[in-house]
PDB file of N, CA and C in Angstrom:
ATOM      1  N   UNK A   1      90.967 103.602  59.374  1.00  0.00           N
ATOM      2  CA  UNK A   1      90.480 102.446  58.648  1.00  0.00           C
ATOM      3  C   UNK A   1      89.181 101.973  59.289  1.00  0.00           C
ATOM      4  N   UNK A   2      88.193 101.691  58.476  1.00  0.00           N
ATOM      5  CA  UNK A   2      86.901 101.222  58.965  1.00  0.00           C
ATOM      6  C   UNK A   2      86.921  99.698  59.071  1.00  0.00           C
ATOM      7  N   UNK A   3      86.542  99.185  60.231  1.00  0.00           N
ATOM      8  CA  UNK A   3      86.463  97.738  60.441  1.00  0.00           C
ATOM      9  C   UNK A   3      85.031  97.405  60.823  1.00  0.00           C
ATOM     10  N   UNK A   4      84.413  96.503  60.078  1.00  0.00           N
ATOM     11  CA  UNK A   4      83.062  96.062  60.377  1.00  0.00           C
ATOM     12  C   UNK A   4      83.126  95.084  61.542  1.00  0.00           C
ATOM     13  N   UNK A   5      82.572  95.445  62.691  1.00  0.00           N
ATOM     14  CA  UNK A   5      82.652  94.602  63.887  1.00  0.00           C
ATOM     15  C   UNK A   5      81.759  93.375  63.801  1.00  0.00           C
ATOM     16  N   UNK A   6      80.949  93.268  62.752  1.00  0.00           N
ATOM     17  CA  UNK A   6      80.091  92.098  62.588  1.00  0.00           C
ATOM     18  C   UNK A   6      80.744  91.036  61.714  1.00  0.00           C
ATOM     19  N   UNK A   7      82.008  91.185  61.452  1.00  0.00           N
ATOM     20  CA  UNK A   7      82.733  90.197  60.671  1.00  0.00           C
ATOM     21  C   UNK A   7      83.864  89.641  61.511  1.00  0.00           C
ATOM     22  N   UNK A   8      84.336  88.514  61.119  1.00  0.00           N
ATOM     23  CA  UNK A   8      85.457  87.919  61.825  1.00  0.00           C
ATOM     24  C   UNK A   8      86.175  86.943  60.919  1.00  0.00           C
ATOM     25  N   UNK A   9      87.354  86.543  61.340  1.00  0.00           N
ATOM     26  CA  UNK A   9      88.141  85.590  60.585  1.00  0.00           C
ATOM     27  C   UNK A   9      88.769  84.586  61.527  1.00  0.00           C
ATOM     28  N   UNK A  10      88.874  83.360  61.026  1.00  0.00           N
ATOM     29  CA  UNK A  10      89.668  82.330  61.677  1.00  0.00           C
ATOM     30  C   UNK A  10      90.651  81.873  60.608  1.00  0.00           C
ATOM     31  N   UNK A  11      91.906  82.100  60.856  1.00  0.00           N
ATOM     32  CA  UNK A  11      92.949  81.711  59.906  1.00  0.00           C
ATOM     33  C   UNK A  11      93.734  80.565  60.524  1.00  0.00           C
ATOM     34  N   UNK A  12      93.829  79.458  59.791  1.00  0.00           N
ATOM     35  CA  UNK A  12      94.569  78.287  60.273  1.00  0.00           C
ATOM     36  C   UNK A  12      95.845  78.182  59.451  1.00  0.00           C
ATOM     37  N   UNK A  13      96.971  78.256  60.136  1.00  0.00           N
ATOM     38  CA  UNK A  13      98.278  78.112  59.493  1.00  0.00           C
ATOM     39  C   UNK A  13      98.750  76.679  59.714  1.00  0.00           C
ATOM     40  N   UNK A  14      99.162  76.015  58.630  1.00  0.00           N
ATOM     41  CA  UNK A  14      99.658  74.643  58.723  1.00  0.00           C
ATOM     42  C   UNK A  14     101.044  74.604  58.103  1.00  0.00           C
ATOM     43  N   UNK A  15     101.990  74.035  58.843  1.00  0.00           N
ATOM     44  CA  UNK A  15     103.367  73.924  58.355  1.00  0.00           C
ATOM     45  C   UNK A  15     103.843  72.496  58.513  1.00  0.00           C
ATOM     46  N   UNK A  16     104.686  72.062  57.588  1.00  0.00           N
ATOM     47  CA  UNK A  16     105.330  70.759  57.678  1.00  0.00           C
ATOM     48  C   UNK A  16     106.716  70.987  58.263  1.00  0.00           C
ATOM     49  N   UNK A  17     106.907  70.500  59.486  1.00  0.00           N
ATOM     50  CA  UNK A  17     108.187  70.671  60.163  1.00  0.00           C
ATOM     51  C   UNK A  17     108.794  69.301  60.415  1.00  0.00           C
ATOM     52  N   UNK A  18     109.843  68.994  59.678  1.00  0.00           N
ATOM     53  CA  UNK A  18     110.543  67.708  59.823  1.00  0.00           C
ATOM     54  C   UNK A  18     109.597  66.519  59.688  1.00  0.00           C
ATOM     55  N   UNK A  19     108.706  66.588  58.708  1.00  0.00           N
ATOM     56  CA  UNK A  19     107.791  65.478  58.460  1.00  0.00           C
ATOM     57  C   UNK A  19     106.568  65.439  59.353  1.00  0.00           C
ATOM     58  N   UNK A  20     106.422  66.394  60.262  1.00  0.00           N
ATOM     59  CA  UNK A  20     105.253  66.460  61.145  1.00  0.00           C
ATOM     60  C   UNK A  20     104.500  67.749  60.874  1.00  0.00           C
ATOM     61  N   UNK A  21     103.174  67.655  60.902  1.00  0.00           N
ATOM     62  CA  UNK A  21     102.363  68.848  60.688  1.00  0.00           C
ATOM     63  C   UNK A  21     102.221  69.631  61.981  1.00  0.00           C
ATOM     64  N   UNK A  22     102.362  70.933  61.875  1.00  0.00           N
ATOM     65  CA  UNK A  22     102.206  71.841  62.995  1.00  0.00           C
ATOM     66  C   UNK A  22     101.200  72.899  62.556  1.00  0.00           C
ATOM     67  N   UNK A  23     100.272  73.253  63.426  1.00  0.00           N
ATOM     68  CA  UNK A  23      99.282  74.252  63.041  1.00  0.00           C
ATOM     69  C   UNK A  23      99.008  75.201  64.200  1.00  0.00           C
ATOM     70  N   UNK A  24      98.548  76.393  63.841  1.00  0.00           N
ATOM     71  CA  UNK A  24      98.062  77.347  64.827  1.00  0.00           C
ATOM     72  C   UNK A  24      96.981  78.194  64.184  1.00  0.00           C
ATOM     73  N   UNK A  25      96.226  78.905  65.000  1.00  0.00           N
ATOM     74  CA  UNK A  25      95.103  79.684  64.494  1.00  0.00           C
ATOM     75  C   UNK A  25      95.184  81.131  64.948  1.00  0.00           C
ATOM     76  N   UNK A  26      94.637  81.994  64.110  1.00  0.00           N
ATOM     77  CA  UNK A  26      94.474  83.412  64.438  1.00  0.00           C
ATOM     78  C   UNK A  26      92.986  83.724  64.396  1.00  0.00           C
ATOM     79  N   UNK A  27      92.516  84.510  65.349  1.00  0.00           N
ATOM     80  CA  UNK A  27      91.111  84.892  65.411  1.00  0.00           C
ATOM     81  C   UNK A  27      91.005  86.418  65.369  1.00  0.00           C
ATOM     82  N   UNK A  28      90.025  86.929  64.633  1.00  0.00           N
ATOM     83  CA  UNK A  28      89.801  88.371  64.639  1.00  0.00           C
ATOM     84  C   UNK A  28      88.299  88.653  64.618  1.00  0.00           C
ATOM     85  N   UNK A  29      87.933  89.867  65.001  1.00  0.00           N
ATOM     86  CA  UNK A  29      86.529  90.283  64.989  1.00  0.00           C
ATOM     87  C   UNK A  29      85.660  89.403  65.864  1.00  0.00           C
ATOM     88  N   UNK A  30      84.456  89.073  65.352  1.00  0.00           N
ATOM     89  CA  UNK A  30      83.523  88.287  66.156  1.00  0.00           C
ATOM     90  C   UNK A  30      84.013  86.858  66.369  1.00  0.00           C
ATOM     91  N   UNK A  31      84.998  86.410  65.595  1.00  0.00           N
ATOM     92  CA  UNK A  31      85.561  85.072  65.779  1.00  0.00           C
ATOM     93  C   UNK A  31      86.381  84.970  67.062  1.00  0.00           C
ATOM     94  N   UNK A  32      86.641  86.101  67.713  1.00  0.00           N
ATOM     95  CA  UNK A  32      87.365  86.070  68.993  1.00  0.00           C
ATOM     96  C   UNK A  32      86.472  85.569  70.130  1.00  0.00           C
ATOM     97  N   UNK A  33      85.156  85.592  69.924  1.00  0.00           N
ATOM     98  CA  UNK A  33      84.237  85.094  70.944  1.00  0.00           C
ATOM     99  C   UNK A  33      84.323  83.566  70.927  1.00  0.00           C
ATOM    100  N   UNK A  34      84.609  82.938  72.074  1.00  0.00           N
ATOM    101  CA  UNK A  34      84.810  81.480  72.094  1.00  0.00           C
ATOM    102  C   UNK A  34      83.650  80.686  71.491  1.00  0.00           C
ATOM    103  N   UNK A  35      82.416  81.036  71.829  1.00  0.00           N
ATOM    104  CA  UNK A  35      81.267  80.307  71.300  1.00  0.00           C
ATOM    105  C   UNK A  35      81.158  80.416  69.790  1.00  0.00           C
ATOM    106  N   UNK A  36      81.406  81.601  69.275  1.00  0.00           N
ATOM    107  CA  UNK A  36      81.355  81.817  67.830  1.00  0.00           C
ATOM    108  C   UNK A  36      82.459  81.041  67.138  1.00  0.00           C
ATOM    109  N   UNK A  37      83.669  81.114  67.658  1.00  0.00           N
ATOM    110  CA  UNK A  37      84.802  80.430  67.048  1.00  0.00           C
ATOM    111  C   UNK A  37      84.597  78.922  67.056  1.00  0.00           C
ATOM    112  N   UNK A  38      84.219  78.364  68.203  1.00  0.00           N
ATOM    113  CA  UNK A  38      84.050  76.916  68.312  1.00  0.00           C
ATOM    114  C   UNK A  38      82.925  76.399  67.416  1.00  0.00           C
ATOM    115  N   UNK A  39      81.809  77.104  67.397  1.00  0.00           N
ATOM    116  CA  UNK A  39      80.690  76.686  66.545  1.00  0.00           C
ATOM    117  C   UNK A  39      81.071  76.771  65.077  1.00  0.00           C
ATOM    118  N   UNK A  40      81.753  77.842  64.693  1.00  0.00           N
ATOM    119  CA  UNK A  40      82.175  78.009  63.305  1.00  0.00           C
ATOM    120  C   UNK A  40      83.145  76.916  62.895  1.00  0.00           C
ATOM    121  N   UNK A  41      84.115  76.610  63.749  1.00  0.00           N
ATOM    122  CA  UNK A  41      85.061  75.542  63.441  1.00  0.00           C
ATOM    123  C   UNK A  41      84.349  74.201  63.320  1.00  0.00           C
ATOM    124  N   UNK A  42      83.390  73.932  64.209  1.00  0.00           N
ATOM    125  CA  UNK A  42      82.669  72.666  64.170  1.00  0.00           C
ATOM    126  C   UNK A  42      81.818  72.540  62.905  1.00  0.00           C
ATOM    127  N   UNK A  43      81.115  73.591  62.550  1.00  0.00           N
ATOM    128  CA  UNK A  43      80.295  73.574  61.330  1.00  0.00           C
ATOM    129  C   UNK A  43      81.180  73.338  60.104  1.00  0.00           C
ATOM    130  N   UNK A  44      82.316  74.020  60.051  1.00  0.00           N
ATOM    131  CA  UNK A  44      83.216  73.847  58.910  1.00  0.00           C
ATOM    132  C   UNK A  44      83.862  72.466  58.900  1.00  0.00           C
ATOM    133  N   UNK A  45      84.175  71.912  60.068  1.00  0.00           N
ATOM    134  CA  UNK A  45      84.720  70.562  60.159  1.00  0.00           C
ATOM    135  C   UNK A  45      83.718  69.546  59.598  1.00  0.00           C
ATOM    136  N   UNK A  46      82.470  69.640  60.048  1.00  0.00           N
ATOM    137  CA  UNK A  46      81.433  68.710  59.588  1.00  0.00           C
ATOM    138  C   UNK A  46      81.201  68.877  58.092  1.00  0.00           C
ATOM    139  N   UNK A  47      81.132  70.109  57.640  1.00  0.00           N
ATOM    140  CA  UNK A  47      80.902  70.389  56.224  1.00  0.00           C
ATOM    141  C   UNK A  47      82.031  69.834  55.349  1.00  0.00           C
ATOM    142  N   UNK A  48      83.279  70.078  55.729  1.00  0.00           N
ATOM    143  CA  UNK A  48      84.425  69.595  54.961  1.00  0.00           C
ATOM    144  C   UNK A  48      84.495  68.067  54.995  1.00  0.00           C
ATOM    145  N   UNK A  49      84.199  67.472  56.143  1.00  0.00           N
ATOM    146  CA  UNK A  49      84.195  66.017  56.252  1.00  0.00           C
ATOM    147  C   UNK A  49      83.219  65.402  55.260  1.00  0.00           C
ATOM    148  N   UNK A  50      82.000  65.919  55.255  1.00  0.00           N
ATOM    149  CA  UNK A  50      80.980  65.392  54.351  1.00  0.00           C
ATOM    150  C   UNK A  50      81.358  65.634  52.894  1.00  0.00           C
ATOM    151  N   UNK A  51      81.906  66.817  52.607  1.00  0.00           N
ATOM    152  CA  UNK A  51      82.336  67.144  51.242  1.00  0.00           C
ATOM    153  C   UNK A  51      83.396  66.159  50.741  1.00  0.00           C
ATOM    154  N   UNK A  52      84.253  65.696  51.656  1.00  0.00           N
ATOM    155  CA  UNK A  52      85.334  64.779  51.290  1.00  0.00           C
ATOM    156  C   UNK A  52      84.938  63.313  51.454  1.00  0.00           C
ATOM    157  N   UNK A  53      83.646  63.062  51.725  1.00  0.00           N
ATOM    158  CA  UNK A  53      83.153  61.703  51.836  1.00  0.00           C
ATOM    159  C   UNK A  53      83.507  61.010  53.138  1.00  0.00           C
ATOM    160  N   UNK A  54      83.782  61.776  54.173  1.00  0.00           N
ATOM    161  CA  UNK A  54      84.148  61.224  55.482  1.00  0.00           C
ATOM    162  C   UNK A  54      82.996  61.417  56.460  1.00  0.00           C
ATOM    163  N   UNK A  55      82.877  60.505  57.425  1.00  0.00           N
ATOM    164  CA  UNK A  55      81.875  60.608  58.474  1.00  0.00           C
ATOM    165  C   UNK A  55      82.487  61.400  59.635  1.00  0.00           C
ATOM    166  N   UNK A  56      82.005  62.624  59.908  1.00  0.00           N
ATOM    167  CA  UNK A  56      82.619  63.446  60.958  1.00  0.00           C
ATOM    168  C   UNK A  56      82.589  62.778  62.330  1.00  0.00           C
ATOM    169  N   UNK A  57      81.520  62.037  62.642  1.00  0.00           N
ATOM    170  CA  UNK A  57      81.448  61.363  63.939  1.00  0.00           C
ATOM    171  C   UNK A  57      82.525  60.296  64.041  1.00  0.00           C
ATOM    172  N   UNK A  58      82.733  59.527  62.987  1.00  0.00           N
ATOM    173  CA  UNK A  58      83.774  58.498  63.007  1.00  0.00           C
ATOM    174  C   UNK A  58      85.159  59.127  63.136  1.00  0.00           C
ATOM    175  N   UNK A  59      85.384  60.258  62.460  1.00  0.00           N
ATOM    176  CA  UNK A  59      86.676  60.938  62.563  1.00  0.00           C
ATOM    177  C   UNK A  59      86.943  61.384  63.994  1.00  0.00           C
ATOM    178  N   UNK A  60      85.925  61.954  64.621  1.00  0.00           N
ATOM    179  CA  UNK A  60      86.086  62.406  66.007  1.00  0.00           C
ATOM    180  C   UNK A  60      86.324  61.217  66.927  1.00  0.00           C
ATOM    181  N   UNK A  61      85.502  60.161  66.771  1.00  0.00           N
ATOM    182  CA  UNK A  61      85.661  58.979  67.615  1.00  0.00           C
ATOM    183  C   UNK A  61      87.058  58.367  67.465  1.00  0.00           C
ATOM    184  N   UNK A  62      87.570  58.363  66.244  1.00  0.00           N
ATOM    185  CA  UNK A  62      88.870  57.737  65.977  1.00  0.00           C
ATOM    186  C   UNK A  62      90.040  58.565  66.507  1.00  0.00           C
ATOM    187  N   UNK A  63      89.943  59.893  66.424  1.00  0.00           N
ATOM    188  CA  UNK A  63      91.115  60.732  66.684  1.00  0.00           C
ATOM    189  C   UNK A  63      91.070  61.578  67.954  1.00  0.00           C
ATOM    190  N   UNK A  64      89.914  61.732  68.573  1.00  0.00           N
ATOM    191  CA  UNK A  64      89.800  62.672  69.692  1.00  0.00           C
ATOM    192  C   UNK A  64      90.722  62.320  70.858  1.00  0.00           C
ATOM    193  N   UNK A  65      90.746  61.063  71.268  1.00  0.00           N
ATOM    194  CA  UNK A  65      91.576  60.681  72.412  1.00  0.00           C
ATOM    195  C   UNK A  65      93.050  60.987  72.152  1.00  0.00           C
ATOM    196  N   UNK A  66      93.535  60.664  70.961  1.00  0.00           N
ATOM    197  CA  UNK A  66      94.926  60.937  70.614  1.00  0.00           C
ATOM    198  C   UNK A  66      95.231  62.429  70.571  1.00  0.00           C
ATOM    199  N   UNK A  67      94.289  63.209  70.084  1.00  0.00           N
ATOM    200  CA  UNK A  67      94.478  64.663  70.028  1.00  0.00           C
ATOM    201  C   UNK A  67      94.525  65.234  71.440  1.00  0.00           C
ATOM    202  N   UNK A  68      93.627  64.771  72.303  1.00  0.00           N
ATOM    203  CA  UNK A  68      93.628  65.250  73.692  1.00  0.00           C
ATOM    204  C   UNK A  68      94.952  64.937  74.381  1.00  0.00           C
ATOM    205  N   UNK A  69      95.471  63.733  74.162  1.00  0.00           N
ATOM    206  CA  UNK A  69      96.755  63.362  74.753  1.00  0.00           C
ATOM    207  C   UNK A  69      97.885  64.221  74.187  1.00  0.00           C
ATOM    208  N   UNK A  70      97.812  64.520  72.890  1.00  0.00           N
ATOM    209  CA  UNK A  70      98.855  65.296  72.238  1.00  0.00           C
ATOM    210  C   UNK A  70      98.930  66.729  72.773  1.00  0.00           C
ATOM    211  N   UNK A  71      97.767  67.325  73.042  1.00  0.00           N
ATOM    212  CA  UNK A  71      97.787  68.746  73.442  1.00  0.00           C
ATOM    213  C   UNK A  71      97.834  68.954  74.949  1.00  0.00           C
ATOM    214  N   UNK A  72      97.616  67.901  75.746  1.00  0.00           N
ATOM    215  CA  UNK A  72      97.726  68.047  77.192  1.00  0.00           C
ATOM    216  C   UNK A  72      99.184  68.296  77.552  1.00  0.00           C
ATOM    217  N   UNK A  73      99.411  69.218  78.460  1.00  0.00           N
ATOM    218  CA  UNK A  73     100.804  69.427  78.890  1.00  0.00           C
ATOM    219  C   UNK A  73     101.331  68.172  79.588  1.00  0.00           C
ATOM    220  N   UNK A  74     102.585  67.922  79.395  1.00  0.00           N
ATOM    221  CA  UNK A  74     103.172  66.757  80.065  1.00  0.00           C
ATOM    222  C   UNK A  74     103.129  66.976  81.561  1.00  0.00           C
ATOM    223  N   UNK A  75     102.726  65.940  82.269  1.00  0.00           N
ATOM    224  CA  UNK A  75     102.589  66.051  83.728  1.00  0.00           C
ATOM    225  C   UNK A  75     103.936  65.779  84.395  1.00  0.00           C
ATOM    226  N   UNK A  76     104.292  66.670  85.306  1.00  0.00           N
ATOM    227  CA  UNK A  76     105.539  66.500  86.051  1.00  0.00           C
ATOM    228  C   UNK A  76     105.271  65.666  87.277  1.00  0.00           C
ATOM    229  N   UNK A  77     106.137  64.725  87.538  1.00  0.00           N
ATOM    230  CA  UNK A  77     105.952  63.863  88.722  1.00  0.00           C
ATOM    231  C   UNK A  77     106.885  64.284  89.825  1.00  0.00           C
TER     232      UNK A  77
END
């Protein structure tokens, strides 16, 4: 099978589990490069925000701290 190494995919899976959203991502091709993946996600985030009439900066300011707390591993004392 021929695979074009100049292409890549980022697939975001979203599931509703007991009333809470759970998501994960798959990366392939050039999207496996961290800089490429992060830039692509950021461009698409800003683009979708504007398309939906939302201010991407306000969304980040409002939700970033909560997201960071959510994904940080719980600290053992």
